[in-house]
Amino acid sequence: MPHVRPSVAESTTTGAVRDRLPLRTKLRAYLALTKPRIIELLLITTVPTMILAAGGFPSWWLIIATLVGGAAAAGSANTFNMYYDRDIDAVMARTRKRPLVTGEVTPRAALVFGLLLGTFSVVWLWLTVNWVAAALAAAANIMYSYGYTVLLKRHTRQNIVWGGAAGCMPVLIGWAAVTGSLDVAPFLLFGIIFFWTPPHYWPLSMKFKKDYAAAGVPMLPVVAADTKVARQMIGYAAAMVACTLLLIPVAQMGWFYSVVAVAAGAWFGTACIQLYRRTAAGTPRKLGAMKVFHASIMYLTIVFVAISIDPFLPW
């Protein structure tokens, strides 16, 4: 397993540079530890879930309180992930500019920052929302920080499949924030994101296959043929679409969501099938994988926007 351990001279130089960093640069480095772009994607799923649970628009205070707590929990988990993965981040070209690799933040400072964020998220949600949301946020943090980062990522090709469950937790948190409990509908929303994760992340892993191989991370595209990866993506996409359709009778969704779910599912499923055809034909993976990656983000956004709009429309 690759491990980067700087020399005393390098550590001293890095520390001197870090001490001279402007405040704005330091703040930007700490923000980068939280992976704000990932948090943004997670929060996109939280508000529509809250609207669906409420059958309308919840109070602004409840939405803000839930988003603050959820963002803090996700930021904490992402910080722990960067803390633990700082050795392989230094090996991969995609992650070499992360704060713990460049020395903008020390490992100790990152660990303290992650602990503070995680503690704040649980206390905040407990005091401002409810204990169910707080407990789910704590569980999501542990699932990602330890379950995925420590136990799964470096040891199994199924890492992103089961580790991705942590990224599904915001919908449970959002539902619990409104209702104080869980039901079948939020678990279908959980299923949508759970089955969406492999066809979302594996195309990225295809593009950076050499990076993951050099770091010793057995992402499925590293250890399996592209055709096998693309074929499994089709299966996960089909299960994901099935969850979106099951949500219609379970949550009594209207015509707008139903049309969007069918159309978006057909569109994204076609993108996955096209990727499989390219891999079967031996087309270079870069010509198709990233298109599916970007399509997956658009797909999830479209579905959850439809979820947020549907309660306000007549059947």
C-alpha atoms as a PDB file:
ATOM      1  CA  MET A   1       0.000   0.000   0.000  1.00  0.00           C
ATOM      2  CA  PRO A   2       1.525   3.347  -1.015  1.00  0.00           C
ATOM      3  CA  HIS A   3       2.459   5.593   1.849  1.00  0.00           C
ATOM      4  CA  VAL A   4       4.082   8.997   1.643  1.00  0.00           C
ATOM      5  CA  ARG A   5       6.182  10.019   4.629  1.00  0.00           C
ATOM      6  CA  PRO A   6       7.961  13.392   4.215  1.00  0.00           C
ATOM      7  CA  SER A   7      11.491  13.896   5.429  1.00  0.00           C
ATOM      8  CA  VAL A   8      12.331  16.179   8.369  1.00  0.00           C
ATOM      9  CA  ALA A   9      13.618  18.839   5.981  1.00  0.00           C
ATOM     10  CA  GLU A  10      10.489  18.663   3.851  1.00  0.00           C
ATOM     11  CA  SER A  11       8.249  18.822   6.958  1.00  0.00           C
ATOM     12  CA  THR A  12      10.120  21.869   8.252  1.00  0.00           C
ATOM     13  CA  THR A  13       9.842  23.639   4.897  1.00  0.00           C
ATOM     14  CA  THR A  14       6.149  22.796   4.571  1.00  0.00           C
ATOM     15  CA  GLY A  15       5.506  24.063   8.110  1.00  0.00           C
ATOM     16  CA  ALA A  16       7.271  27.346   7.386  1.00  0.00           C
ATOM     17  CA  VAL A  17       5.238  27.849   4.209  1.00  0.00           C
ATOM     18  CA  ARG A  18       2.024  26.962   6.035  1.00  0.00           C
ATOM     19  CA  ASP A  19       2.716  29.507   8.778  1.00  0.00           C
ATOM     20  CA  ARG A  20       3.016  32.250   6.156  1.00  0.00           C
ATOM     21  CA  LEU A  21      -0.296  31.464   4.487  1.00  0.00           C
ATOM     22  CA  PRO A  22      -2.818  34.353   4.370  1.00  0.00           C
ATOM     23  CA  LEU A  23      -5.993  33.888   6.404  1.00  0.00           C
ATOM     24  CA  ARG A  24      -8.106  33.637   3.253  1.00  0.00           C
ATOM     25  CA  THR A  25      -5.938  30.808   1.944  1.00  0.00           C
ATOM     26  CA  LYS A  26      -6.154  28.948   5.255  1.00  0.00           C
ATOM     27  CA  LEU A  27      -9.939  29.298   5.336  1.00  0.00           C
ATOM     28  CA  ARG A  28     -10.141  28.072   1.739  1.00  0.00           C
ATOM     29  CA  ALA A  29      -8.005  25.070   2.689  1.00  0.00           C
ATOM     30  CA  TYR A  30     -10.300  24.125   5.578  1.00  0.00           C
ATOM     31  CA  LEU A  31     -13.317  24.522   3.306  1.00  0.00           C
ATOM     32  CA  ALA A  32     -11.663  22.192   0.784  1.00  0.00           C
ATOM     33  CA  LEU A  33     -11.353  19.549   3.512  1.00  0.00           C
ATOM     34  CA  THR A  34     -15.154  19.322   3.634  1.00  0.00           C
ATOM     35  CA  LYS A  35     -15.432  18.630  -0.148  1.00  0.00           C
ATOM     36  CA  PRO A  36     -18.107  21.300  -0.679  1.00  0.00           C
ATOM     37  CA  ARG A  37     -19.084  20.054  -4.151  1.00  0.00           C
ATOM     38  CA  ILE A  38     -20.047  16.678  -2.698  1.00  0.00           C
ATOM     39  CA  ILE A  39     -21.964  18.384   0.113  1.00  0.00           C
ATOM     40  CA  GLU A  40     -23.841  20.443  -2.472  1.00  0.00           C
ATOM     41  CA  LEU A  41     -24.979  17.272  -4.225  1.00  0.00           C
ATOM     42  CA  LEU A  42     -26.066  15.694  -0.934  1.00  0.00           C
ATOM     43  CA  LEU A  43     -28.082  18.746   0.087  1.00  0.00           C
ATOM     44  CA  ILE A  44     -29.867  18.789  -3.284  1.00  0.00           C
ATOM     45  CA  THR A  45     -31.575  15.590  -2.164  1.00  0.00           C
ATOM     46  CA  THR A  46     -32.426  16.785   1.358  1.00  0.00           C
ATOM     47  CA  VAL A  47     -34.776  19.699   0.645  1.00  0.00           C
ATOM     48  CA  PRO A  48     -36.984  17.818  -1.871  1.00  0.00           C
ATOM     49  CA  THR A  49     -37.252  14.982   0.636  1.00  0.00           C
ATOM     50  CA  MET A  50     -38.403  17.423   3.306  1.00  0.00           C
ATOM     51  CA  ILE A  51     -40.992  18.896   0.934  1.00  0.00           C
ATOM     52  CA  LEU A  52     -42.305  15.424   0.119  1.00  0.00           C
ATOM     53  CA  ALA A  53     -42.456  14.471   3.803  1.00  0.00           C
ATOM     54  CA  ALA A  54     -44.340  17.663   4.656  1.00  0.00           C
ATOM     55  CA  GLY A  55     -46.664  17.469   1.654  1.00  0.00           C
ATOM     56  CA  GLY A  56     -45.695  21.084   1.033  1.00  0.00           C
ATOM     57  CA  PHE A  57     -43.073  23.553   2.128  1.00  0.00           C
ATOM     58  CA  PRO A  58     -41.698  23.065   5.669  1.00  0.00           C
ATOM     59  CA  SER A  59     -40.730  26.069   7.767  1.00  0.00           C
ATOM     60  CA  TRP A  60     -37.636  27.954   6.642  1.00  0.00           C
ATOM     61  CA  TRP A  61     -36.069  27.505  10.047  1.00  0.00           C
ATOM     62  CA  LEU A  62     -36.436  23.716   9.899  1.00  0.00           C
ATOM     63  CA  ILE A  63     -34.911  23.605   6.424  1.00  0.00           C
ATOM     64  CA  ILE A  64     -31.965  25.823   7.394  1.00  0.00           C
ATOM     65  CA  ALA A  65     -31.341  23.963  10.646  1.00  0.00           C
ATOM     66  CA  THR A  66     -31.394  20.606   8.853  1.00  0.00           C
ATOM     67  CA  LEU A  67     -29.097  21.795   6.069  1.00  0.00           C
ATOM     68  CA  VAL A  68     -26.607  23.295   8.524  1.00  0.00           C
ATOM     69  CA  GLY A  69     -26.472  20.096  10.551  1.00  0.00           C
ATOM     70  CA  GLY A  70     -26.336  17.876   7.478  1.00  0.00           C
ATOM     71  CA  ALA A  71     -23.586  19.943   5.853  1.00  0.00           C
ATOM     72  CA  ALA A  72     -21.535  19.839   9.065  1.00  0.00           C
ATOM     73  CA  ALA A  73     -21.913  16.056   9.327  1.00  0.00           C
ATOM     74  CA  ALA A  74     -20.916  15.533   5.695  1.00  0.00           C
ATOM     75  CA  GLY A  75     -18.029  17.989   6.030  1.00  0.00           C
ATOM     76  CA  SER A  76     -16.782  16.129   9.081  1.00  0.00           C
ATOM     77  CA  ALA A  77     -16.906  12.765   7.289  1.00  0.00           C
ATOM     78  CA  ASN A  78     -15.114  14.196   4.251  1.00  0.00           C
ATOM     79  CA  THR A  79     -12.420  15.692   6.485  1.00  0.00           C
ATOM     80  CA  PHE A  80     -11.826  12.334   8.174  1.00  0.00           C
ATOM     81  CA  ASN A  81     -11.654  10.776   4.715  1.00  0.00           C
ATOM     82  CA  MET A  82      -8.918  13.217   3.640  1.00  0.00           C
ATOM     83  CA  TYR A  83      -7.071  12.705   6.923  1.00  0.00           C
ATOM     84  CA  TYR A  84      -6.958   8.928   6.509  1.00  0.00           C
ATOM     85  CA  ASP A  85      -6.317   8.999   2.758  1.00  0.00           C
ATOM     86  CA  ARG A  86      -3.560  11.620   2.758  1.00  0.00           C
ATOM     87  CA  ASP A  87      -0.964   9.005   1.783  1.00  0.00           C
ATOM     88  CA  ILE A  88      -2.780   7.799  -1.336  1.00  0.00           C
ATOM     89  CA  ASP A  89      -3.988  11.334  -2.152  1.00  0.00           C
ATOM     90  CA  ALA A  90      -0.315  12.248  -2.612  1.00  0.00           C
ATOM     91  CA  VAL A  91       0.046   9.457  -5.191  1.00  0.00           C
ATOM     92  CA  MET A  92      -3.013  10.294  -7.291  1.00  0.00           C
ATOM     93  CA  ALA A  93      -2.812  13.184  -9.758  1.00  0.00           C
ATOM     94  CA  ARG A  94      -6.476  14.034  -9.152  1.00  0.00           C
ATOM     95  CA  THR A  95      -5.935  14.594  -5.422  1.00  0.00           C
ATOM     96  CA  ARG A  96      -2.375  15.930  -5.142  1.00  0.00           C
ATOM     97  CA  LYS A  97      -3.568  19.467  -4.491  1.00  0.00           C
ATOM     98  CA  ARG A  98      -5.671  18.591  -1.452  1.00  0.00           C
ATOM     99  CA  PRO A  99      -4.776  20.605   1.684  1.00  0.00           C
ATOM    100  CA  LEU A 100      -3.223  17.743   3.629  1.00  0.00           C
ATOM    101  CA  VAL A 101      -0.989  16.866   0.674  1.00  0.00           C
ATOM    102  CA  THR A 102       0.148  20.425  -0.022  1.00  0.00           C
ATOM    103  CA  GLY A 103       0.726  21.083   3.694  1.00  0.00           C
ATOM    104  CA  GLU A 104      -1.792  23.916   3.929  1.00  0.00           C
ATOM    105  CA  VAL A 105      -3.392  22.035   6.847  1.00  0.00           C
ATOM    106  CA  THR A 106      -1.605  19.696   9.271  1.00  0.00           C
ATOM    107  CA  PRO A 107      -3.009  16.196   9.908  1.00  0.00           C
ATOM    108  CA  ARG A 108      -3.580  17.070  13.567  1.00  0.00           C
ATOM    109  CA  ALA A 109      -5.450  20.259  12.688  1.00  0.00           C
ATOM    110  CA  ALA A 110      -7.587  18.370  10.168  1.00  0.00           C
ATOM    111  CA  LEU A 111      -8.439  15.690  12.734  1.00  0.00           C
ATOM    112  CA  VAL A 112      -9.468  18.294  15.308  1.00  0.00           C
ATOM    113  CA  PHE A 113     -11.477  20.155  12.679  1.00  0.00           C
ATOM    114  CA  GLY A 114     -13.292  16.959  11.682  1.00  0.00           C
ATOM    115  CA  LEU A 115     -14.081  16.097  15.302  1.00  0.00           C
ATOM    116  CA  LEU A 116     -15.416  19.584  15.992  1.00  0.00           C
ATOM    117  CA  LEU A 117     -17.599  19.562  12.895  1.00  0.00           C
ATOM    118  CA  GLY A 118     -18.950  16.108  13.701  1.00  0.00           C
ATOM    119  CA  THR A 119     -19.734  16.988  17.308  1.00  0.00           C
ATOM    120  CA  PHE A 120     -21.370  20.246  16.267  1.00  0.00           C
ATOM    121  CA  SER A 121     -23.563  18.472  13.690  1.00  0.00           C
ATOM    122  CA  VAL A 122     -24.989  16.015  16.220  1.00  0.00           C
ATOM    123  CA  VAL A 123     -25.517  18.578  18.987  1.00  0.00           C
ATOM    124  CA  TRP A 124     -26.996  21.104  16.567  1.00  0.00           C
ATOM    125  CA  LEU A 125     -29.476  18.659  15.029  1.00  0.00           C
ATOM    126  CA  TRP A 126     -30.437  17.321  18.462  1.00  0.00           C
ATOM    127  CA  LEU A 127     -31.188  20.805  19.812  1.00  0.00           C
ATOM    128  CA  THR A 128     -32.753  22.410  16.722  1.00  0.00           C
ATOM    129  CA  VAL A 129     -34.381  19.505  14.846  1.00  0.00           C
ATOM    130  CA  ASN A 130     -34.865  16.201  16.715  1.00  0.00           C
ATOM    131  CA  TRP A 131     -32.898  13.290  18.111  1.00  0.00           C
ATOM    132  CA  VAL A 132     -33.731  10.988  15.181  1.00  0.00           C
ATOM    133  CA  ALA A 133     -32.092  13.342  12.672  1.00  0.00           C
ATOM    134  CA  ALA A 134     -29.105  13.754  15.010  1.00  0.00           C
ATOM    135  CA  ALA A 135     -28.651   9.989  15.386  1.00  0.00           C
ATOM    136  CA  LEU A 136     -28.894   9.453  11.625  1.00  0.00           C
ATOM    137  CA  ALA A 137     -26.287  12.168  11.013  1.00  0.00           C
ATOM    138  CA  ALA A 138     -23.916  10.510  13.477  1.00  0.00           C
ATOM    139  CA  ALA A 139     -24.502   7.135  11.808  1.00  0.00           C
ATOM    140  CA  ALA A 140     -23.818   8.602   8.364  1.00  0.00           C
ATOM    141  CA  ASN A 141     -20.552  10.102   9.591  1.00  0.00           C
ATOM    142  CA  ILE A 142     -19.391   6.781  11.044  1.00  0.00           C
ATOM    143  CA  MET A 143     -20.486   4.849   7.944  1.00  0.00           C
ATOM    144  CA  TYR A 144     -18.403   7.049   5.646  1.00  0.00           C
ATOM    145  CA  SER A 145     -15.448   7.852   7.911  1.00  0.00           C
ATOM    146  CA  TYR A 146     -14.873   4.332   9.166  1.00  0.00           C
ATOM    147  CA  GLY A 147     -17.072   1.974   7.176  1.00  0.00           C
ATOM    148  CA  TYR A 148     -16.116   3.235   3.728  1.00  0.00           C
ATOM    149  CA  THR A 149     -12.777   5.001   4.240  1.00  0.00           C
ATOM    150  CA  VAL A 150     -11.104   2.522   6.597  1.00  0.00           C
ATOM    151  CA  LEU A 151     -12.827  -0.836   6.086  1.00  0.00           C
ATOM    152  CA  LEU A 152     -13.941  -0.858   2.452  1.00  0.00           C
ATOM    153  CA  LYS A 153     -12.110   1.560   0.170  1.00  0.00           C
ATOM    154  CA  ARG A 154      -8.709  -0.137   0.119  1.00  0.00           C
ATOM    155  CA  HIS A 155      -9.858  -3.712   0.623  1.00  0.00           C
ATOM    156  CA  THR A 156     -12.734  -4.606  -1.694  1.00  0.00           C
ATOM    157  CA  ARG A 157     -13.952  -3.927  -5.218  1.00  0.00           C
ATOM    158  CA  GLN A 158     -17.400  -3.387  -3.707  1.00  0.00           C
ATOM    159  CA  ASN A 159     -16.112  -0.361  -1.766  1.00  0.00           C
ATOM    160  CA  ILE A 160     -18.203   2.310  -3.451  1.00  0.00           C
ATOM    161  CA  VAL A 161     -21.313   0.098  -3.545  1.00  0.00           C
ATOM    162  CA  TRP A 162     -21.640  -0.435   0.197  1.00  0.00           C
ATOM    163  CA  GLY A 163     -19.698   2.662   1.193  1.00  0.00           C
ATOM    164  CA  GLY A 164     -22.088   4.736  -0.891  1.00  0.00           C
ATOM    165  CA  ALA A 165     -24.837   3.992   1.625  1.00  0.00           C
ATOM    166  CA  ALA A 166     -23.484   6.867   3.720  1.00  0.00           C
ATOM    167  CA  GLY A 167     -24.304   9.249   0.873  1.00  0.00           C
ATOM    168  CA  CYS A 168     -27.911   8.056   0.973  1.00  0.00           C
ATOM    169  CA  MET A 169     -28.439   9.128   4.579  1.00  0.00           C
ATOM    170  CA  PRO A 170     -29.395  12.787   3.887  1.00  0.00           C
ATOM    171  CA  VAL A 171     -32.800  11.682   2.603  1.00  0.00           C
ATOM    172  CA  LEU A 172     -33.452   9.782   5.835  1.00  0.00           C
ATOM    173  CA  ILE A 173     -32.240  12.790   7.834  1.00  0.00           C
ATOM    174  CA  GLY A 174     -34.477  15.135   5.843  1.00  0.00           C
ATOM    175  CA  TRP A 175     -37.539  12.908   6.278  1.00  0.00           C
ATOM    176  CA  ALA A 176     -36.895  12.450   9.999  1.00  0.00           C
ATOM    177  CA  ALA A 177     -36.426  16.205  10.415  1.00  0.00           C
ATOM    178  CA  VAL A 178     -40.007  16.769   9.258  1.00  0.00           C
ATOM    179  CA  THR A 179     -41.792  13.733  10.692  1.00  0.00           C
ATOM    180  CA  GLY A 180     -39.599  12.623  13.596  1.00  0.00           C
ATOM    181  CA  SER A 181     -39.701   9.070  12.240  1.00  0.00           C
ATOM    182  CA  LEU A 182     -39.087   6.993   9.101  1.00  0.00           C
ATOM    183  CA  ASP A 183     -41.421   5.310   6.615  1.00  0.00           C
ATOM    184  CA  VAL A 184     -41.272   3.273   3.409  1.00  0.00           C
ATOM    185  CA  ALA A 185     -40.993   6.334   1.154  1.00  0.00           C
ATOM    186  CA  PRO A 186     -37.662   7.626   2.552  1.00  0.00           C
ATOM    187  CA  PHE A 187     -36.158   4.144   2.161  1.00  0.00           C
ATOM    188  CA  LEU A 188     -37.156   4.178  -1.499  1.00  0.00           C
ATOM    189  CA  LEU A 189     -35.409   7.540  -1.791  1.00  0.00           C
ATOM    190  CA  PHE A 190     -32.455   5.908  -0.045  1.00  0.00           C
ATOM    191  CA  GLY A 191     -32.611   3.134  -2.659  1.00  0.00           C
ATOM    192  CA  ILE A 192     -32.581   5.629  -5.526  1.00  0.00           C
ATOM    193  CA  ILE A 193     -29.305   7.144  -4.344  1.00  0.00           C
ATOM    194  CA  PHE A 194     -27.843   3.778  -3.295  1.00  0.00           C
ATOM    195  CA  PHE A 195     -28.304   2.263  -6.757  1.00  0.00           C
ATOM    196  CA  TRP A 196     -27.353   5.553  -8.430  1.00  0.00           C
ATOM    197  CA  THR A 197     -23.917   5.648  -6.756  1.00  0.00           C
ATOM    198  CA  PRO A 198     -22.115   2.920  -8.789  1.00  0.00           C
ATOM    199  CA  PRO A 199     -23.137   4.234 -12.243  1.00  0.00           C
ATOM    200  CA  HIS A 200     -22.234   7.706 -10.968  1.00  0.00           C
ATOM    201  CA  TYR A 201     -18.800   6.917  -9.516  1.00  0.00           C
ATOM    202  CA  TRP A 202     -17.521   4.065 -11.676  1.00  0.00           C
ATOM    203  CA  PRO A 203     -17.288   6.223 -14.833  1.00  0.00           C
ATOM    204  CA  LEU A 204     -15.007   8.576 -12.870  1.00  0.00           C
ATOM    205  CA  SER A 205     -12.991   5.564 -11.757  1.00  0.00           C
ATOM    206  CA  MET A 206     -12.700   4.503 -15.400  1.00  0.00           C
ATOM    207  CA  LYS A 207     -11.135   7.824 -16.309  1.00  0.00           C
ATOM    208  CA  PHE A 208      -8.716   7.779 -13.371  1.00  0.00           C
ATOM    209  CA  LYS A 209      -8.082   4.039 -13.501  1.00  0.00           C
ATOM    210  CA  LYS A 210      -4.288   4.444 -13.485  1.00  0.00           C
ATOM    211  CA  ASP A 211      -4.481   6.765 -10.467  1.00  0.00           C
ATOM    212  CA  TYR A 212      -6.464   4.266  -8.411  1.00  0.00           C
ATOM    213  CA  ALA A 213      -4.196   1.412  -9.501  1.00  0.00           C
ATOM    214  CA  ALA A 214      -1.083   3.376  -8.474  1.00  0.00           C
ATOM    215  CA  ALA A 215      -2.663   4.114  -5.090  1.00  0.00           C
ATOM    216  CA  GLY A 216      -3.635   0.479  -4.563  1.00  0.00           C
ATOM    217  CA  VAL A 217      -7.373   1.207  -4.409  1.00  0.00           C
ATOM    218  CA  PRO A 218      -9.335  -1.702  -5.947  1.00  0.00           C
ATOM    219  CA  MET A 219     -12.162   0.238  -7.545  1.00  0.00           C
ATOM    220  CA  LEU A 220     -14.083  -2.122  -9.818  1.00  0.00           C
ATOM    221  CA  PRO A 221     -12.780  -0.485 -13.044  1.00  0.00           C
ATOM    222  CA  VAL A 222      -9.223  -1.185 -11.791  1.00  0.00           C
ATOM    223  CA  VAL A 223      -9.724  -4.919 -11.243  1.00  0.00           C
ATOM    224  CA  ALA A 224     -12.396  -5.771 -13.836  1.00  0.00           C
ATOM    225  CA  ALA A 225     -12.859  -5.354 -17.577  1.00  0.00           C
ATOM    226  CA  ASP A 226     -14.640  -2.214 -18.767  1.00  0.00           C
ATOM    227  CA  THR A 227     -17.402  -4.328 -20.297  1.00  0.00           C
ATOM    228  CA  LYS A 228     -18.123  -5.949 -16.926  1.00  0.00           C
ATOM    229  CA  VAL A 229     -18.190  -2.552 -15.209  1.00  0.00           C
ATOM    230  CA  ALA A 230     -20.540  -1.078 -17.813  1.00  0.00           C
ATOM    231  CA  ARG A 231     -22.801  -4.135 -17.633  1.00  0.00           C
ATOM    232  CA  GLN A 232     -23.087  -3.813 -13.861  1.00  0.00           C
ATOM    233  CA  MET A 233     -23.822  -0.109 -14.247  1.00  0.00           C
ATOM    234  CA  ILE A 234     -26.842  -1.005 -16.387  1.00  0.00           C
ATOM    235  CA  GLY A 235     -28.090  -3.330 -13.645  1.00  0.00           C
ATOM    236  CA  TYR A 236     -27.724  -0.702 -10.926  1.00  0.00           C
ATOM    237  CA  ALA A 237     -29.374   1.923 -13.137  1.00  0.00           C
ATOM    238  CA  ALA A 238     -32.337  -0.412 -13.692  1.00  0.00           C
ATOM    239  CA  ALA A 239     -32.712  -0.946  -9.929  1.00  0.00           C
ATOM    240  CA  MET A 240     -32.479   2.816  -9.405  1.00  0.00           C
ATOM    241  CA  VAL A 241     -35.236   3.514 -11.931  1.00  0.00           C
ATOM    242  CA  ALA A 242     -37.367   0.796 -10.325  1.00  0.00           C
ATOM    243  CA  CYS A 243     -37.113   2.656  -6.993  1.00  0.00           C
ATOM    244  CA  THR A 244     -38.192   5.920  -8.645  1.00  0.00           C
ATOM    245  CA  LEU A 245     -41.254   4.165 -10.087  1.00  0.00           C
ATOM    246  CA  LEU A 246     -42.148   2.382  -6.840  1.00  0.00           C
ATOM    247  CA  LEU A 247     -42.173   5.795  -5.173  1.00  0.00           C
ATOM    248  CA  ILE A 248     -45.214   6.747  -7.287  1.00  0.00           C
ATOM    249  CA  PRO A 249     -47.757   4.493  -5.509  1.00  0.00           C
ATOM    250  CA  VAL A 250     -45.999   4.491  -2.137  1.00  0.00           C
ATOM    251  CA  ALA A 251     -45.750   8.293  -1.814  1.00  0.00           C
ATOM    252  CA  GLN A 252     -48.809   8.997  -3.985  1.00  0.00           C
ATOM    253  CA  MET A 253     -46.772  10.979  -6.485  1.00  0.00           C
ATOM    254  CA  GLY A 254     -48.619  12.909  -9.196  1.00  0.00           C
ATOM    255  CA  TRP A 255     -48.460  13.076 -12.983  1.00  0.00           C
ATOM    256  CA  PHE A 256     -45.505  15.487 -13.116  1.00  0.00           C
ATOM    257  CA  TYR A 257     -43.104  13.335 -11.131  1.00  0.00           C
ATOM    258  CA  SER A 258     -44.325  10.188 -12.903  1.00  0.00           C
ATOM    259  CA  VAL A 259     -43.568  11.598 -16.353  1.00  0.00           C
ATOM    260  CA  VAL A 260     -40.175  12.927 -15.262  1.00  0.00           C
ATOM    261  CA  ALA A 261     -39.195   9.650 -13.552  1.00  0.00           C
ATOM    262  CA  VAL A 262     -39.990   7.601 -16.653  1.00  0.00           C
ATOM    263  CA  ALA A 263     -38.354  10.003 -19.108  1.00  0.00           C
ATOM    264  CA  ALA A 264     -35.233  10.638 -17.010  1.00  0.00           C
ATOM    265  CA  GLY A 265     -34.845   6.926 -16.289  1.00  0.00           C
ATOM    266  CA  ALA A 266     -35.053   6.063 -19.989  1.00  0.00           C
ATOM    267  CA  TRP A 267     -32.525   8.776 -20.832  1.00  0.00           C
ATOM    268  CA  PHE A 268     -29.957   7.761 -18.226  1.00  0.00           C
ATOM    269  CA  GLY A 269     -30.455   4.064 -18.889  1.00  0.00           C
ATOM    270  CA  THR A 270     -29.730   4.718 -22.563  1.00  0.00           C
ATOM    271  CA  ALA A 271     -26.515   6.530 -21.612  1.00  0.00           C
ATOM    272  CA  CYS A 272     -25.367   3.481 -19.622  1.00  0.00           C
ATOM    273  CA  ILE A 273     -26.221   1.134 -22.491  1.00  0.00           C
ATOM    274  CA  GLN A 274     -24.273   3.316 -24.915  1.00  0.00           C
ATOM    275  CA  LEU A 275     -21.256   3.168 -22.620  1.00  0.00           C
ATOM    276  CA  TYR A 276     -21.497  -0.625 -22.579  1.00  0.00           C
ATOM    277  CA  ARG A 277     -21.611  -0.697 -26.376  1.00  0.00           C
ATOM    278  CA  ARG A 278     -18.539   1.525 -26.569  1.00  0.00           C
ATOM    279  CA  THR A 279     -16.593  -0.672 -24.176  1.00  0.00           C
ATOM    280  CA  ALA A 280     -17.691  -3.830 -26.026  1.00  0.00           C
ATOM    281  CA  ALA A 281     -16.509  -2.247 -29.267  1.00  0.00           C
ATOM    282  CA  GLY A 282     -13.154  -1.354 -27.713  1.00  0.00           C
ATOM    283  CA  THR A 283     -13.695   2.416 -27.859  1.00  0.00           C
ATOM    284  CA  PRO A 284     -11.331   4.315 -25.507  1.00  0.00           C
ATOM    285  CA  ARG A 285     -13.054   4.716 -22.151  1.00  0.00           C
ATOM    286  CA  LYS A 286     -12.511   8.499 -22.028  1.00  0.00           C
ATOM    287  CA  LEU A 287     -14.869   8.973 -24.977  1.00  0.00           C
ATOM    288  CA  GLY A 288     -17.898   7.759 -23.019  1.00  0.00           C
ATOM    289  CA  ALA A 289     -17.330   7.365 -19.293  1.00  0.00           C
ATOM    290  CA  MET A 290     -17.311  11.021 -18.279  1.00  0.00           C
ATOM    291  CA  LYS A 291     -20.462  11.667 -20.294  1.00  0.00           C
ATOM    292  CA  VAL A 292     -22.226   9.141 -18.093  1.00  0.00           C
ATOM    293  CA  PHE A 293     -20.669  10.686 -14.985  1.00  0.00           C
ATOM    294  CA  HIS A 294     -22.030  14.154 -15.821  1.00  0.00           C
ATOM    295  CA  ALA A 295     -25.345  12.649 -16.947  1.00  0.00           C
ATOM    296  CA  SER A 296     -25.696  10.920 -13.579  1.00  0.00           C
ATOM    297  CA  ILE A 297     -25.465  14.246 -11.737  1.00  0.00           C
ATOM    298  CA  MET A 298     -28.043  15.787 -14.046  1.00  0.00           C
ATOM    299  CA  TYR A 299     -30.306  12.752 -13.646  1.00  0.00           C
ATOM    300  CA  LEU A 300     -30.331  12.858  -9.851  1.00  0.00           C
ATOM    301  CA  THR A 301     -30.925  16.607  -9.878  1.00  0.00           C
ATOM    302  CA  ILE A 302     -33.852  16.273 -12.296  1.00  0.00           C
ATOM    303  CA  VAL A 303     -35.519  13.504 -10.285  1.00  0.00           C
ATOM    304  CA  PHE A 304     -35.260  15.316  -6.961  1.00  0.00           C
ATOM    305  CA  VAL A 305     -36.361  18.640  -8.429  1.00  0.00           C
ATOM    306  CA  ALA A 306     -39.427  16.802  -9.730  1.00  0.00           C
ATOM    307  CA  ILE A 307     -39.999  15.388  -6.238  1.00  0.00           C
ATOM    308  CA  SER A 308     -39.923  18.930  -4.820  1.00  0.00           C
ATOM    309  CA  ILE A 309     -42.340  20.316  -7.438  1.00  0.00           C
ATOM    310  CA  ASP A 310     -44.868  17.477  -7.555  1.00  0.00           C
ATOM    311  CA  PRO A 311     -46.612  18.126  -4.180  1.00  0.00           C
ATOM    312  CA  PHE A 312     -47.634  21.611  -5.370  1.00  0.00           C
ATOM    313  CA  LEU A 313     -49.290  20.443  -8.601  1.00  0.00           C
ATOM    314  CA  PRO A 314     -52.770  19.000  -9.109  1.00  0.00           C
ATOM    315  CA  TRP A 315     -53.031  15.349 -10.242  1.00  0.00           C
END
